[in-house]
Amino acid sequence: MSIHKHQHDEHTQTAERQQIQEPPLYRVLLHNDDYTTMDFVIDILENVFHKTPAEATRIMLLVHRQGIGNCGEYPRSIAETKVVTVTKLARDRGFPLLCSMQKV
């Protein structure tokens, strides 16, 4: 019985020494243009990025005033999916809204 306990202790010690690396995060950005409506941007922020109405309005105004706004930081695959989703929704509605991602 002590042999099994000793083997378990070695495994536990090895696991404690290993460091788990978090996947790199990517910032998803919306870019201002002269055609996409503010209401559509708010809708995107609420439905794709799950922002509250207040958060969505704040980010939309940031995009409008500064030309770019941060929608959130996500692992690469999630960020890519959000960029594709936003782009498709915008094109389906006839808007040229640009959504991009950059490594944090």
Protein backbone atom coordinates (compact mmCIF):
# COMPACT_ATOMS: atom_id res chain seq x y z
CA MET A 1 0.00 0.00 0.00
CA SER A 2 2.84 2.41 0.70
CA ILE A 3 4.20 1.84 -2.83
CA HIS A 4 0.99 3.16 -4.38
CA LYS A 5 0.95 6.12 -2.06
CA HIS A 6 4.56 6.94 -2.94
CA GLN A 7 3.78 6.80 -6.68
CA HIS A 8 0.80 9.08 -6.20
CA ASP A 9 2.92 11.61 -4.30
CA GLU A 10 5.50 11.73 -7.12
CA HIS A 11 2.77 12.33 -9.69
CA THR A 12 1.22 15.09 -7.61
CA GLN A 13 4.56 16.82 -7.17
CA THR A 14 5.23 16.68 -10.92
CA ALA A 15 1.81 18.11 -11.70
CA GLU A 16 2.34 20.97 -9.26
CA ARG A 17 5.60 21.95 -10.99
CA GLN A 18 4.04 22.15 -14.44
CA GLN A 19 2.69 25.55 -15.32
CA ILE A 20 -0.50 25.80 -17.30
CA GLN A 21 -0.27 28.45 -19.99
CA GLU A 22 -3.40 30.35 -20.85
CA PRO A 23 -4.11 30.68 -24.58
CA PRO A 24 -3.22 34.09 -26.03
CA LEU A 25 -6.09 36.55 -26.15
CA TYR A 26 -7.23 38.64 -29.08
CA ARG A 27 -9.00 41.98 -28.88
CA VAL A 28 -12.04 42.25 -31.18
CA LEU A 29 -12.43 45.77 -32.57
CA LEU A 30 -15.19 47.64 -34.39
CA HIS A 31 -14.20 50.43 -36.78
CA ASN A 32 -16.27 53.51 -37.54
CA ASP A 33 -17.67 54.21 -40.99
CA ASP A 34 -20.10 56.75 -42.40
CA TYR A 35 -22.88 54.29 -43.27
CA THR A 36 -23.46 51.75 -40.49
CA THR A 37 -26.20 52.95 -38.17
CA MET A 38 -25.64 53.41 -34.45
CA ASP A 39 -28.64 51.19 -33.75
CA PHE A 40 -27.11 48.35 -35.77
CA VAL A 41 -23.80 48.66 -33.90
CA ILE A 42 -25.65 48.56 -30.57
CA ASP A 43 -27.57 45.48 -31.77
CA ILE A 44 -24.29 43.75 -32.71
CA LEU A 45 -22.74 44.59 -29.34
CA GLU A 46 -25.75 43.27 -27.43
CA ASN A 47 -26.34 40.11 -29.47
CA VAL A 48 -22.89 39.00 -30.61
CA PHE A 49 -20.81 40.30 -27.69
CA HIS A 50 -23.53 39.98 -25.00
CA LYS A 51 -23.12 43.55 -23.75
CA THR A 52 -25.76 45.28 -21.66
CA PRO A 53 -27.59 48.16 -23.36
CA ALA A 54 -25.48 50.63 -21.34
CA GLU A 55 -22.20 48.90 -22.27
CA ALA A 56 -23.25 48.64 -25.91
CA THR A 57 -24.10 52.34 -26.06
CA ARG A 58 -20.80 53.29 -24.42
CA ILE A 59 -18.76 51.20 -26.89
CA MET A 60 -20.81 52.44 -29.87
CA LEU A 61 -20.11 56.06 -28.88
CA LEU A 62 -16.42 55.25 -28.51
CA VAL A 63 -16.40 53.79 -32.03
CA HIS A 64 -18.27 56.83 -33.34
CA ARG A 65 -16.06 59.42 -31.63
CA GLN A 66 -12.63 57.77 -31.71
CA GLY A 67 -12.99 55.66 -34.84
CA ILE A 68 -12.46 52.34 -33.09
CA GLY A 69 -13.80 50.47 -30.07
CA ASN A 70 -12.87 47.35 -28.13
CA CYS A 71 -15.67 44.78 -27.96
CA GLY A 72 -13.77 42.35 -25.73
CA GLU A 73 -10.82 39.99 -25.46
CA TYR A 74 -11.19 36.33 -26.38
CA PRO A 75 -9.15 33.24 -27.29
CA ARG A 76 -8.27 33.19 -30.99
CA SER A 77 -10.98 30.81 -32.21
CA ILE A 78 -13.73 32.74 -30.42
CA ALA A 79 -12.39 36.10 -31.65
CA GLU A 80 -12.26 34.80 -35.24
CA THR A 81 -15.83 33.52 -34.99
CA LYS A 82 -17.06 36.87 -33.69
CA VAL A 83 -15.29 38.77 -36.51
CA VAL A 84 -16.85 36.48 -39.13
CA THR A 85 -20.29 36.71 -37.49
CA VAL A 86 -20.24 40.52 -37.30
CA THR A 87 -19.01 40.82 -40.89
CA LYS A 88 -21.72 38.48 -42.19
CA LEU A 89 -24.50 40.23 -40.25
CA ALA A 90 -23.31 43.63 -41.48
CA ARG A 91 -23.10 42.52 -45.12
CA ASP A 92 -26.52 40.87 -44.92
CA ARG A 93 -27.94 44.25 -43.84
CA GLY A 94 -25.93 46.18 -46.45
CA PHE A 95 -23.50 47.81 -44.02
CA PRO A 96 -19.73 48.10 -44.57
CA LEU A 97 -18.98 47.72 -40.83
CA LEU A 98 -15.39 46.58 -40.31
CA CYS A 99 -14.60 44.22 -37.45
CA SER A 100 -11.02 43.12 -36.80
CA MET A 101 -8.93 41.40 -34.16
CA GLN A 102 -5.46 41.98 -32.77
CA LYS A 103 -3.34 39.96 -30.39
CA VAL A 104 -3.30 41.39 -26.89
